[in-house]
Amino acid sequence: MSDDMPSQTMTDSAPENKHAAASPEKHAATTPRAVLDGAHAADSSTFAPAMRLLGEQSRADVRTLYGVLRTIDDLVDEDDPRAPERVEALERWARGGVPDSPEAQALSQLAERHPLPRVQLLEFCRGMRHDIARETIADDPDFDRYCQQAGGSVGIVLAVLLGATGRDEADAKQGMAAL
């Protein structure tokens, strides 16, 4: 995180949850929760072995992305009253607005190094809005759409963050749609 980036305090960020940092006291109290969660939860996730294969900067960027999206998902899943405003802030940023939440600020910094596919981040937000509204899944096409929004979009953003461009990015999108 850069020194000039405004940060939220821990109490202004995501609620404590199973993905929370093991020892937040080791970090400055102003570090956005999205980064703290990503720094620890990604290492204990199912893709932790693959994380060890990445270079230091790529690993840090994946942790940040994971922390941002995990934080938003947890806010939504836990019915946190801040969830709608945080999803909205992420949507505004993805549409070209200023980063005005810890998650949007973290993504904005990632976007300085990577051409993050903002359309896919908007897809993720649509999936989160689906959950906030407690919409039901009516049929198989509706289920496929929700899976793409809530999960497939994340895979595409990750693929791009890891360097997939052009044909590789198209293959990632096709692969995520096939899942």
Foldseek 3Di string as FASTA:
>chain_A
DDPPQFFQFPVVFFDDDPLFAPDCVVDPRRQHRLQRSLVGNVCVDPCNVVLVVDDPVLSSLRSSLNSLLVRLLRCLVVVPVCNVVSLVLLLCVLVPHDNDHSSSSSVVVLCVVFVQNSVLSVLLSVLSVCSNVVPDQDDDVSVLSSCCSNPLSSQLRSQRSVPQDDPSSVVSSVVSSVD
